[in-house]
Every structure is written in structure tokens, then in C-alpha cells.
Amino acid sequence: MAAVASDRPSRPGAALAELPGIGPRTVVWLNEAQFYLDPAEAGLGERVAAGLRELLRALGRAPVLVLATMWPQF
């Protein structure tokens, strides 16, 4: 059976695409944050981190809680 290419974005790509639409009273849960902040694609993790920082700094979007889990080896 041939592999089918997925046109779905990666986890960090999807998070990056959705960050601008997050508004007040939202919880952002990054399960296994290493997949979002240290992905294989160069620069993507830095863009996700910058997007989260922007979200937390934007007073008009507050309050927002960012919750993340990560395995100890990361």
C-alpha cells in the first residue's frame, strides 16, 4: 500500500496557525511541548515560542493560560 501524503500541518505548524485567533479566557495546552518548541523543521519552534510570548503579552487578549507538559529527558 502506498503512503498518502498528508496536507495537514504538523503539530507546531497547526499551533502557529491558530495562535493569532486565541482570545481572552482561553487555556492553551501544549501536550508534550517538546514537539512544539523543538521540532525538526528549522525555526518553527522559535516561531511557536514567539507566538506564545506575543499571546501572553497582549493585554487585549488576557487572561490566557499556557499549560505545557514535557518529558524529563527534554
PDB file of N, CA and C in Angstrom:
ATOM      1  N   MET A   1       0.843  -1.182   0.000  1.00  0.00           N
ATOM      2  CA  MET A   1       0.000   0.000   0.000  1.00  0.00           C
ATOM      3  C   MET A   1       0.885   1.241   0.000  1.00  0.00           C
ATOM      4  N   ALA A   2       0.620   2.149  -0.870  1.00  0.00           N
ATOM      5  CA  ALA A   2       1.424   3.368  -0.989  1.00  0.00           C
ATOM      6  C   ALA A   2       1.068   4.345   0.119  1.00  0.00           C
ATOM      7  N   ALA A   3       2.069   5.053   0.583  1.00  0.00           N
ATOM      8  CA  ALA A   3       1.844   6.088   1.598  1.00  0.00           C
ATOM      9  C   ALA A   3       1.132   7.269   0.955  1.00  0.00           C
ATOM     10  N   VAL A   4       0.234   7.865   1.690  1.00  0.00           N
ATOM     11  CA  VAL A   4      -0.509   9.022   1.207  1.00  0.00           C
ATOM     12  C   VAL A   4       0.040  10.252   1.904  1.00  0.00           C
ATOM     13  N   ALA A   5       0.416  11.240   1.131  1.00  0.00           N
ATOM     14  CA  ALA A   5       0.927  12.488   1.709  1.00  0.00           C
ATOM     15  C   ALA A   5      -0.207  13.213   2.418  1.00  0.00           C
ATOM     16  N   SER A   6       0.098  13.724   3.576  1.00  0.00           N
ATOM     17  CA  SER A   6      -0.900  14.455   4.351  1.00  0.00           C
ATOM     18  C   SER A   6      -0.759  15.946   4.093  1.00  0.00           C
ATOM     19  N   ASP A   7      -1.878  16.607   3.889  1.00  0.00           N
ATOM     20  CA  ASP A   7      -1.822  18.053   3.751  1.00  0.00           C
ATOM     21  C   ASP A   7      -2.190  18.731   5.061  1.00  0.00           C
ATOM     22  N   ARG A   8      -2.266  17.933   6.130  1.00  0.00           N
ATOM     23  CA  ARG A   8      -2.493  18.504   7.452  1.00  0.00           C
ATOM     24  C   ARG A   8      -1.181  19.084   7.969  1.00  0.00           C
ATOM     25  N   PRO A   9      -1.237  20.223   8.670  1.00  0.00           N
ATOM     26  CA  PRO A   9       0.001  20.791   9.210  1.00  0.00           C
ATOM     27  C   PRO A   9       0.522  19.949  10.377  1.00  0.00           C
ATOM     28  N   SER A  10       1.793  20.097  10.659  1.00  0.00           N
ATOM     29  CA  SER A  10       2.389  19.440  11.816  1.00  0.00           C
ATOM     30  C   SER A  10       1.801  20.053  13.089  1.00  0.00           C
ATOM     31  N   ARG A  11       2.058  19.416  14.223  1.00  0.00           N
ATOM     32  CA  ARG A  11       1.563  19.981  15.493  1.00  0.00           C
ATOM     33  C   ARG A  11       2.022  21.426  15.684  1.00  0.00           C
ATOM     34  N   PRO A  12       3.331  21.699  15.559  1.00  0.00           N
ATOM     35  CA  PRO A  12       3.732  23.093  15.748  1.00  0.00           C
ATOM     36  C   PRO A  12       3.197  24.013  14.654  1.00  0.00           C
ATOM     37  N   GLY A  13       3.078  23.513  13.431  1.00  0.00           N
ATOM     38  CA  GLY A  13       2.514  24.321  12.355  1.00  0.00           C
ATOM     39  C   GLY A  13       1.065  24.683  12.627  1.00  0.00           C
ATOM     40  N   ALA A  14       0.293  23.717  13.135  1.00  0.00           N
ATOM     41  CA  ALA A  14      -1.110  23.978  13.478  1.00  0.00           C
ATOM     42  C   ALA A  14      -1.218  24.971  14.629  1.00  0.00           C
ATOM     43  N   ALA A  15      -0.371  24.806  15.641  1.00  0.00           N
ATOM     44  CA  ALA A  15      -0.386  25.741  16.775  1.00  0.00           C
ATOM     45  C   ALA A  15      -0.063  27.147  16.311  1.00  0.00           C
ATOM     46  N   LEU A  16       0.946  27.277  15.477  1.00  0.00           N
ATOM     47  CA  LEU A  16       1.346  28.589  14.975  1.00  0.00           C
ATOM     48  C   LEU A  16       0.218  29.239  14.180  1.00  0.00           C
ATOM     49  N   ALA A  17      -0.490  28.449  13.412  1.00  0.00           N
ATOM     50  CA  ALA A  17      -1.603  28.979  12.616  1.00  0.00           C
ATOM     51  C   ALA A  17      -2.769  29.440  13.482  1.00  0.00           C
ATOM     52  N   GLU A  18      -2.982  28.780  14.630  1.00  0.00           N
ATOM     53  CA  GLU A  18      -4.127  29.102  15.488  1.00  0.00           C
ATOM     54  C   GLU A  18      -3.838  30.179  16.533  1.00  0.00           C
ATOM     55  N   LEU A  19      -2.576  30.418  16.859  1.00  0.00           N
ATOM     56  CA  LEU A  19      -2.247  31.387  17.913  1.00  0.00           C
ATOM     57  C   LEU A  19      -2.854  32.775  17.701  1.00  0.00           C
ATOM     58  N   PRO A  20      -2.853  33.325  16.499  1.00  0.00           N
ATOM     59  CA  PRO A  20      -3.422  34.668  16.320  1.00  0.00           C
ATOM     60  C   PRO A  20      -4.915  34.767  16.655  1.00  0.00           C
ATOM     61  N   GLY A  21      -5.650  33.680  16.587  1.00  0.00           N
ATOM     62  CA  GLY A  21      -7.087  33.709  16.843  1.00  0.00           C
ATOM     63  C   GLY A  21      -7.481  33.465  18.289  1.00  0.00           C
ATOM     64  N   ILE A  22      -6.504  33.260  19.160  1.00  0.00           N
ATOM     65  CA  ILE A  22      -6.819  32.967  20.566  1.00  0.00           C
ATOM     66  C   ILE A  22      -7.184  34.254  21.282  1.00  0.00           C
ATOM     67  N   GLY A  23      -8.303  34.190  21.998  1.00  0.00           N
ATOM     68  CA  GLY A  23      -8.794  35.363  22.710  1.00  0.00           C
ATOM     69  C   GLY A  23      -8.789  35.180  24.207  1.00  0.00           C
ATOM     70  N   PRO A  24      -9.394  36.119  24.921  1.00  0.00           N
ATOM     71  CA  PRO A  24      -9.432  36.078  26.377  1.00  0.00           C
ATOM     72  C   PRO A  24     -10.116  34.820  26.918  1.00  0.00           C
ATOM     73  N   ARG A  25      -9.737  34.492  28.131  1.00  0.00           N
ATOM     74  CA  ARG A  25     -10.314  33.360  28.872  1.00  0.00           C
ATOM     75  C   ARG A  25     -10.100  32.038  28.131  1.00  0.00           C
ATOM     76  N   THR A  26      -8.878  31.852  27.658  1.00  0.00           N
ATOM     77  CA  THR A  26      -8.531  30.644  26.923  1.00  0.00           C
ATOM     78  C   THR A  26      -7.386  29.931  27.606  1.00  0.00           C
ATOM     79  N   VAL A  27      -7.448  28.613  27.611  1.00  0.00           N
ATOM     80  CA  VAL A  27      -6.342  27.778  28.084  1.00  0.00           C
ATOM     81  C   VAL A  27      -5.711  27.140  26.852  1.00  0.00           C
ATOM     82  N   VAL A  28      -4.414  27.337  26.688  1.00  0.00           N
ATOM     83  CA  VAL A  28      -3.648  26.708  25.609  1.00  0.00           C
ATOM     84  C   VAL A  28      -2.860  25.578  26.251  1.00  0.00           C
ATOM     85  N   TRP A  29      -3.157  24.355  25.853  1.00  0.00           N
ATOM     86  CA  TRP A  29      -2.490  23.195  26.430  1.00  0.00           C
ATOM     87  C   TRP A  29      -1.580  22.588  25.374  1.00  0.00           C
ATOM     88  N   LEU A  30      -0.291  22.617  25.641  1.00  0.00           N
ATOM     89  CA  LEU A  30       0.695  22.012  24.748  1.00  0.00           C
ATOM     90  C   LEU A  30       1.131  20.692  25.367  1.00  0.00           C
ATOM     91  N   ASN A  31       0.442  19.632  24.994  1.00  0.00           N
ATOM     92  CA  ASN A  31       0.793  18.305  25.490  1.00  0.00           C
ATOM     93  C   ASN A  31       2.093  17.879  24.806  1.00  0.00           C
ATOM     94  N   GLU A  32       3.076  17.501  25.593  1.00  0.00           N
ATOM     95  CA  GLU A  32       4.406  17.144  25.088  1.00  0.00           C
ATOM     96  C   GLU A  32       5.003  18.326  24.320  1.00  0.00           C
ATOM     97  N   ALA A  33       5.279  19.387  25.062  1.00  0.00           N
ATOM     98  CA  ALA A  33       5.728  20.661  24.499  1.00  0.00           C
ATOM     99  C   ALA A  33       6.974  20.550  23.640  1.00  0.00           C
ATOM    100  N   GLN A  34       7.776  19.511  23.834  1.00  0.00           N
ATOM    101  CA  GLN A  34       8.982  19.369  23.007  1.00  0.00           C
ATOM    102  C   GLN A  34       8.635  19.258  21.525  1.00  0.00           C
ATOM    103  N   PHE A  35       7.453  18.742  21.197  1.00  0.00           N
ATOM    104  CA  PHE A  35       7.058  18.641  19.794  1.00  0.00           C
ATOM    105  C   PHE A  35       6.730  20.008  19.192  1.00  0.00           C
ATOM    106  N   TYR A  36       6.362  20.969  20.039  1.00  0.00           N
ATOM    107  CA  TYR A  36       6.019  22.312  19.581  1.00  0.00           C
ATOM    108  C   TYR A  36       7.217  23.252  19.594  1.00  0.00           C
ATOM    109  N   LEU A  37       8.082  23.082  20.597  1.00  0.00           N
ATOM    110  CA  LEU A  37       9.177  24.030  20.799  1.00  0.00           C
ATOM    111  C   LEU A  37      10.515  23.556  20.247  1.00  0.00           C
ATOM    112  N   ASP A  38      10.626  22.279  19.912  1.00  0.00           N
ATOM    113  CA  ASP A  38      11.878  21.752  19.364  1.00  0.00           C
ATOM    114  C   ASP A  38      11.596  20.778  18.221  1.00  0.00           C
ATOM    115  N   PRO A  39      10.827  21.222  17.208  1.00  0.00           N
ATOM    116  CA  PRO A  39      10.515  20.325  16.090  1.00  0.00           C
ATOM    117  C   PRO A  39      11.702  20.192  15.130  1.00  0.00           C
ATOM    118  N   ALA A  40      11.602  19.244  14.238  1.00  0.00           N
ATOM    119  CA  ALA A  40      12.671  19.009  13.264  1.00  0.00           C
ATOM    120  C   ALA A  40      12.812  20.172  12.279  1.00  0.00           C
ATOM    121  N   GLU A  41      11.718  20.831  11.950  1.00  0.00           N
ATOM    122  CA  GLU A  41      11.765  21.930  10.975  1.00  0.00           C
ATOM    123  C   GLU A  41      12.463  23.151  11.577  1.00  0.00           C
ATOM    124  N   ALA A  42      13.533  23.572  10.962  1.00  0.00           N
ATOM    125  CA  ALA A  42      14.341  24.683  11.465  1.00  0.00           C
ATOM    126  C   ALA A  42      13.519  25.959  11.626  1.00  0.00           C
ATOM    127  N   GLY A  43      13.637  26.579  12.780  1.00  0.00           N
ATOM    128  CA  GLY A  43      12.993  27.860  13.035  1.00  0.00           C
ATOM    129  C   GLY A  43      11.553  27.784  13.469  1.00  0.00           C
ATOM    130  N   LEU A  44      10.888  26.655  13.293  1.00  0.00           N
ATOM    131  CA  LEU A  44       9.469  26.562  13.629  1.00  0.00           C
ATOM    132  C   LEU A  44       9.242  26.661  15.138  1.00  0.00           C
ATOM    133  N   GLY A  45      10.071  25.993  15.923  1.00  0.00           N
ATOM    134  CA  GLY A  45       9.934  26.063  17.380  1.00  0.00           C
ATOM    135  C   GLY A  45      10.104  27.477  17.906  1.00  0.00           C
ATOM    136  N   GLU A  46      11.043  28.220  17.330  1.00  0.00           N
ATOM    137  CA  GLU A  46      11.255  29.609  17.738  1.00  0.00           C
ATOM    138  C   GLU A  46      10.045  30.466  17.399  1.00  0.00           C
ATOM    139  N   ARG A  47       9.421  30.188  16.258  1.00  0.00           N
ATOM    140  CA  ARG A  47       8.222  30.950  15.871  1.00  0.00           C
ATOM    141  C   ARG A  47       7.045  30.627  16.793  1.00  0.00           C
ATOM    142  N   VAL A  48       6.920  29.368  17.202  1.00  0.00           N
ATOM    143  CA  VAL A  48       5.863  28.999  18.156  1.00  0.00           C
ATOM    144  C   VAL A  48       6.108  29.702  19.489  1.00  0.00           C
ATOM    145  N   ALA A  49       7.357  29.665  19.983  1.00  0.00           N
ATOM    146  CA  ALA A  49       7.689  30.329  21.248  1.00  0.00           C
ATOM    147  C   ALA A  49       7.401  31.828  21.166  1.00  0.00           C
ATOM    148  N   ALA A  50       7.760  32.451  20.057  1.00  0.00           N
ATOM    149  CA  ALA A  50       7.498  33.880  19.881  1.00  0.00           C
ATOM    150  C   ALA A  50       5.997  34.160  19.841  1.00  0.00           C
ATOM    151  N   GLY A  51       5.243  33.290  19.200  1.00  0.00           N
ATOM    152  CA  GLY A  51       3.785  33.451  19.162  1.00  0.00           C
ATOM    153  C   GLY A  51       3.156  33.328  20.542  1.00  0.00           C
ATOM    154  N   LEU A  52       3.655  32.399  21.342  1.00  0.00           N
ATOM    155  CA  LEU A  52       3.160  32.249  22.719  1.00  0.00           C
ATOM    156  C   LEU A  52       3.511  33.482  23.550  1.00  0.00           C
ATOM    157  N   ARG A  53       4.725  33.971  23.385  1.00  0.00           N
ATOM    158  CA  ARG A  53       5.154  35.176  24.113  1.00  0.00           C
ATOM    159  C   ARG A  53       4.271  36.360  23.737  1.00  0.00           C
ATOM    160  N   GLU A  54       3.997  36.517  22.453  1.00  0.00           N
ATOM    161  CA  GLU A  54       3.117  37.596  21.979  1.00  0.00           C
ATOM    162  C   GLU A  54       1.717  37.453  22.584  1.00  0.00           C
ATOM    163  N   LEU A  55       1.206  36.229  22.604  1.00  0.00           N
ATOM    164  CA  LEU A  55      -0.118  35.969  23.177  1.00  0.00           C
ATOM    165  C   LEU A  55      -0.172  36.383  24.644  1.00  0.00           C
ATOM    166  N   LEU A  56       0.855  36.019  25.403  1.00  0.00           N
ATOM    167  CA  LEU A  56       0.866  36.326  26.835  1.00  0.00           C
ATOM    168  C   LEU A  56       1.086  37.809  27.124  1.00  0.00           C
ATOM    169  N   ARG A  57       1.719  38.517  26.213  1.00  0.00           N
ATOM    170  CA  ARG A  57       1.984  39.951  26.415  1.00  0.00           C
ATOM    171  C   ARG A  57       0.832  40.852  25.976  1.00  0.00           C
ATOM    172  N   ALA A  58      -0.046  40.362  25.134  1.00  0.00           N
ATOM    173  CA  ALA A  58      -1.121  41.187  24.564  1.00  0.00           C
ATOM    174  C   ALA A  58      -2.228  41.399  25.595  1.00  0.00           C
ATOM    175  N   LEU A  59      -2.294  42.581  26.138  1.00  0.00           N
ATOM    176  CA  LEU A  59      -3.275  42.877  27.190  1.00  0.00           C
ATOM    177  C   LEU A  59      -4.715  42.692  26.714  1.00  0.00           C
ATOM    178  N   GLY A  60      -4.996  42.963  25.466  1.00  0.00           N
ATOM    179  CA  GLY A  60      -6.347  42.822  24.935  1.00  0.00           C
ATOM    180  C   GLY A  60      -6.799  41.381  24.793  1.00  0.00           C
ATOM    181  N   ARG A  61      -5.871  40.444  24.923  1.00  0.00           N
ATOM    182  CA  ARG A  61      -6.206  39.026  24.788  1.00  0.00           C
ATOM    183  C   ARG A  61      -6.203  38.313  26.142  1.00  0.00           C
ATOM    184  N   ALA A  62      -5.916  39.032  27.203  1.00  0.00           N
ATOM    185  CA  ALA A  62      -5.832  38.458  28.545  1.00  0.00           C
ATOM    186  C   ALA A  62      -7.231  38.273  29.125  1.00  0.00           C
ATOM    187  N   PRO A  63      -7.390  37.359  30.037  1.00  0.00           N
ATOM    188  CA  PRO A  63      -6.411  36.413  30.564  1.00  0.00           C
ATOM    189  C   PRO A  63      -6.299  35.162  29.682  1.00  0.00           C
ATOM    190  N   VAL A  64      -5.082  34.678  29.574  1.00  0.00           N
ATOM    191  CA  VAL A  64      -4.790  33.441  28.848  1.00  0.00           C
ATOM    192  C   VAL A  64      -3.831  32.627  29.708  1.00  0.00           C
ATOM    193  N   LEU A  65      -4.065  31.336  29.767  1.00  0.00           N
ATOM    194  CA  LEU A  65      -3.180  30.421  30.490  1.00  0.00           C
ATOM    195  C   LEU A  65      -2.532  29.498  29.474  1.00  0.00           C
ATOM    196  N   VAL A  66      -1.199  29.401  29.496  1.00  0.00           N
ATOM    197  CA  VAL A  66      -0.479  28.450  28.659  1.00  0.00           C
ATOM    198  C   VAL A  66       0.047  27.364  29.585  1.00  0.00           C
ATOM    199  N   LEU A  67      -0.385  26.141  29.333  1.00  0.00           N
ATOM    200  CA  LEU A  67      -0.023  24.993  30.139  1.00  0.00           C
ATOM    201  C   LEU A  67       0.702  24.007  29.237  1.00  0.00           C
ATOM    202  N   ALA A  68       1.815  23.464  29.710  1.00  0.00           N
ATOM    203  CA  ALA A  68       2.578  22.526  28.878  1.00  0.00           C
ATOM    204  C   ALA A  68       3.079  21.353  29.707  1.00  0.00           C
ATOM    205  N   THR A  69       3.167  20.222  29.069  1.00  0.00           N
ATOM    206  CA  THR A  69       3.785  19.050  29.688  1.00  0.00           C
ATOM    207  C   THR A  69       5.016  18.699  28.858  1.00  0.00           C
ATOM    208  N   MET A  70       6.006  18.101  29.524  1.00  0.00           N
ATOM    209  CA  MET A  70       7.226  17.727  28.829  1.00  0.00           C
ATOM    210  C   MET A  70       7.868  16.576  29.580  1.00  0.00           C
ATOM    211  N   TRP A  71       8.418  15.630  28.843  1.00  0.00           N
ATOM    212  CA  TRP A  71       9.125  14.505  29.443  1.00  0.00           C
ATOM    213  C   TRP A  71      10.444  15.003  30.042  1.00  0.00           C
ATOM    214  N   PRO A  72      10.891  14.396  31.150  1.00  0.00           N
ATOM    215  CA  PRO A  72      12.125  14.862  31.821  1.00  0.00           C
ATOM    216  C   PRO A  72      13.362  14.884  30.935  1.00  0.00           C
ATOM    217  N   GLN A  73      13.481  13.974  29.980  1.00  0.00           N
ATOM    218  CA  GLN A  73      14.681  13.935  29.153  1.00  0.00           C
ATOM    219  C   GLN A  73      14.785  15.101  28.178  1.00  0.00           C
ATOM    220  N   PHE A  74      13.744  15.906  28.071  1.00  0.00           N
ATOM    221  CA  PHE A  74      13.782  17.057  27.190  1.00  0.00           C
ATOM    222  C   PHE A  74      14.023  18.296  27.981  1.00  0.00           C
TER     223      PHE A  74
END
